[in-house]
Amino acid sequence: MMPIEDLLGRIRWDLAFGQARFEIAYYDRVARTLVRVPLENVSLAEAAHYFLDVVASDGVAHSVPLHRVRAVWRDGDLVWQCDRQPA
């Protein structure tokens, strides 16, 4: 399986692949559930390259470590999934 860092890089730099609607799901340790957000609500954290800055549906910004990203959808189709279980 491709590391999430590589997939995010491909979405950013491969123009043909990246011109789609992407969503990610990350594990929220407080809610103990997966949170699914559109990729346009996500940016790579400037201070630390192993985190994503995510604006959730409630408008609150969260810093999410890349190891908590569990799945990515492209135009509604699952294109990446982490097989690791949440800790």
C-alpha atoms as a PDB file:
ATOM      1  CA  MET A   1       0.000   0.000   0.000  1.00  0.00           C
ATOM      2  CA  MET A   2       1.155   3.516  -0.838  1.00  0.00           C
ATOM      3  CA  PRO A   3       1.946   5.720   2.195  1.00  0.00           C
ATOM      4  CA  ILE A   4      -0.565   8.522   2.762  1.00  0.00           C
ATOM      5  CA  GLU A   5       2.194  11.099   2.219  1.00  0.00           C
ATOM      6  CA  ASP A   6       2.738   9.748  -1.312  1.00  0.00           C
ATOM      7  CA  LEU A   7      -0.973   9.775  -2.117  1.00  0.00           C
ATOM      8  CA  LEU A   8      -1.349  13.374  -0.920  1.00  0.00           C
ATOM      9  CA  GLY A   9       1.646  14.315  -3.058  1.00  0.00           C
ATOM     10  CA  ARG A  10       0.109  12.642  -6.097  1.00  0.00           C
ATOM     11  CA  ILE A  11      -3.171  14.475  -5.563  1.00  0.00           C
ATOM     12  CA  ARG A  12      -1.263  17.749  -5.371  1.00  0.00           C
ATOM     13  CA  TRP A  13       1.172  17.275  -8.263  1.00  0.00           C
ATOM     14  CA  ASP A  14      -0.543  14.882 -10.730  1.00  0.00           C
ATOM     15  CA  LEU A  15      -2.939  17.255 -12.464  1.00  0.00           C
ATOM     16  CA  ALA A  16      -4.974  14.537 -14.194  1.00  0.00           C
ATOM     17  CA  PHE A  17      -5.416  12.513 -10.997  1.00  0.00           C
ATOM     18  CA  GLY A  18      -5.885  15.529  -8.721  1.00  0.00           C
ATOM     19  CA  GLN A  19      -8.772  17.042 -10.672  1.00  0.00           C
ATOM     20  CA  ALA A  20     -11.440  15.210  -8.723  1.00  0.00           C
ATOM     21  CA  ARG A  21     -13.425  15.535  -5.536  1.00  0.00           C
ATOM     22  CA  PHE A  22     -11.484  13.962  -2.667  1.00  0.00           C
ATOM     23  CA  GLU A  23     -12.516  13.166   0.887  1.00  0.00           C
ATOM     24  CA  ILE A  24     -10.451  11.810   3.738  1.00  0.00           C
ATOM     25  CA  ALA A  25     -11.449   9.985   6.894  1.00  0.00           C
ATOM     26  CA  TYR A  26      -9.379  10.284  10.031  1.00  0.00           C
ATOM     27  CA  TYR A  27      -9.758   8.625  13.399  1.00  0.00           C
ATOM     28  CA  ASP A  28     -10.942  11.029  16.092  1.00  0.00           C
ATOM     29  CA  ARG A  29      -9.594   9.727  19.396  1.00  0.00           C
ATOM     30  CA  VAL A  30     -12.020  11.773  21.499  1.00  0.00           C
ATOM     31  CA  ALA A  31     -15.164  10.724  19.638  1.00  0.00           C
ATOM     32  CA  ARG A  32     -13.683   7.269  18.931  1.00  0.00           C
ATOM     33  CA  THR A  33     -15.009   7.305  15.391  1.00  0.00           C
ATOM     34  CA  LEU A  34     -13.957   8.108  11.850  1.00  0.00           C
ATOM     35  CA  VAL A  35     -14.541  11.677  10.715  1.00  0.00           C
ATOM     36  CA  ARG A  36     -14.952  12.176   6.982  1.00  0.00           C
ATOM     37  CA  VAL A  37     -14.091  15.611   5.527  1.00  0.00           C
ATOM     38  CA  PRO A  38     -13.676  17.058   2.021  1.00  0.00           C
ATOM     39  CA  LEU A  39     -10.039  17.492   1.038  1.00  0.00           C
ATOM     40  CA  GLU A  40     -10.628  21.205   0.408  1.00  0.00           C
ATOM     41  CA  ASN A  41     -11.024  21.491   4.218  1.00  0.00           C
ATOM     42  CA  VAL A  42      -7.560  19.986   4.723  1.00  0.00           C
ATOM     43  CA  SER A  43      -4.075  21.456   4.418  1.00  0.00           C
ATOM     44  CA  LEU A  44      -0.616  20.210   5.277  1.00  0.00           C
ATOM     45  CA  ALA A  45       0.438  21.773   8.564  1.00  0.00           C
ATOM     46  CA  GLU A  46       3.117  24.386   7.919  1.00  0.00           C
ATOM     47  CA  ALA A  47       5.032  23.790  11.152  1.00  0.00           C
ATOM     48  CA  ALA A  48       5.068  19.978  11.049  1.00  0.00           C
ATOM     49  CA  HIS A  49       4.889  17.915   7.874  1.00  0.00           C
ATOM     50  CA  TYR A  50       3.455  14.896   9.668  1.00  0.00           C
ATOM     51  CA  PHE A  51       0.189  16.654  10.510  1.00  0.00           C
ATOM     52  CA  LEU A  52      -2.849  17.873   8.609  1.00  0.00           C
ATOM     53  CA  ASP A  53      -4.804  20.959   9.549  1.00  0.00           C
ATOM     54  CA  VAL A  54      -8.468  19.988   9.203  1.00  0.00           C
ATOM     55  CA  VAL A  55     -11.542  22.198   9.463  1.00  0.00           C
ATOM     56  CA  ALA A  56     -14.371  19.919  10.587  1.00  0.00           C
ATOM     57  CA  SER A  57     -18.023  20.350   9.660  1.00  0.00           C
ATOM     58  CA  ASP A  58     -18.583  22.284  12.907  1.00  0.00           C
ATOM     59  CA  GLY A  59     -16.025  24.886  11.722  1.00  0.00           C
ATOM     60  CA  VAL A  60     -13.459  23.955  14.355  1.00  0.00           C
ATOM     61  CA  ALA A  61      -9.854  23.468  13.188  1.00  0.00           C
ATOM     62  CA  HIS A  62      -8.008  20.327  14.291  1.00  0.00           C
ATOM     63  CA  SER A  63      -4.430  19.198  13.888  1.00  0.00           C
ATOM     64  CA  VAL A  64      -4.484  15.553  12.795  1.00  0.00           C
ATOM     65  CA  PRO A  65      -1.371  13.356  12.622  1.00  0.00           C
ATOM     66  CA  LEU A  66      -1.023  11.594   9.277  1.00  0.00           C
ATOM     67  CA  HIS A  67      -0.992   8.192  10.987  1.00  0.00           C
ATOM     68  CA  ARG A  68      -4.653   8.752  11.954  1.00  0.00           C
ATOM     69  CA  VAL A  69      -5.801   9.111   8.336  1.00  0.00           C
ATOM     70  CA  ARG A  70      -7.704   5.899   7.613  1.00  0.00           C
ATOM     71  CA  ALA A  71      -9.253   6.294   4.139  1.00  0.00           C
ATOM     72  CA  VAL A  72      -9.371   8.487   1.022  1.00  0.00           C
ATOM     73  CA  TRP A  73     -12.160   8.668  -1.567  1.00  0.00           C
ATOM     74  CA  ARG A  74     -11.870  10.072  -5.103  1.00  0.00           C
ATOM     75  CA  ASP A  75     -15.198  11.046  -6.664  1.00  0.00           C
ATOM     76  CA  GLY A  76     -16.927   8.739  -4.176  1.00  0.00           C
ATOM     77  CA  ASP A  77     -14.715   5.698  -4.858  1.00  0.00           C
ATOM     78  CA  LEU A  78     -12.424   4.401  -2.123  1.00  0.00           C
ATOM     79  CA  VAL A  79      -8.861   4.759  -3.465  1.00  0.00           C
ATOM     80  CA  TRP A  80      -6.818   4.309  -0.289  1.00  0.00           C
ATOM     81  CA  GLN A  81      -7.406   2.631   3.043  1.00  0.00           C
ATOM     82  CA  CYS A  82      -5.201   2.045   6.057  1.00  0.00           C
ATOM     83  CA  ASP A  83      -5.433  -1.465   7.413  1.00  0.00           C
ATOM     84  CA  ARG A  84      -4.125  -0.422  10.849  1.00  0.00           C
ATOM     85  CA  GLN A  85      -6.566  -0.452  13.730  1.00  0.00           C
ATOM     86  CA  PRO A  86      -6.900   2.710  15.874  1.00  0.00           C
ATOM     87  CA  ALA A  87      -4.868   2.687  19.072  1.00  0.00           C
END
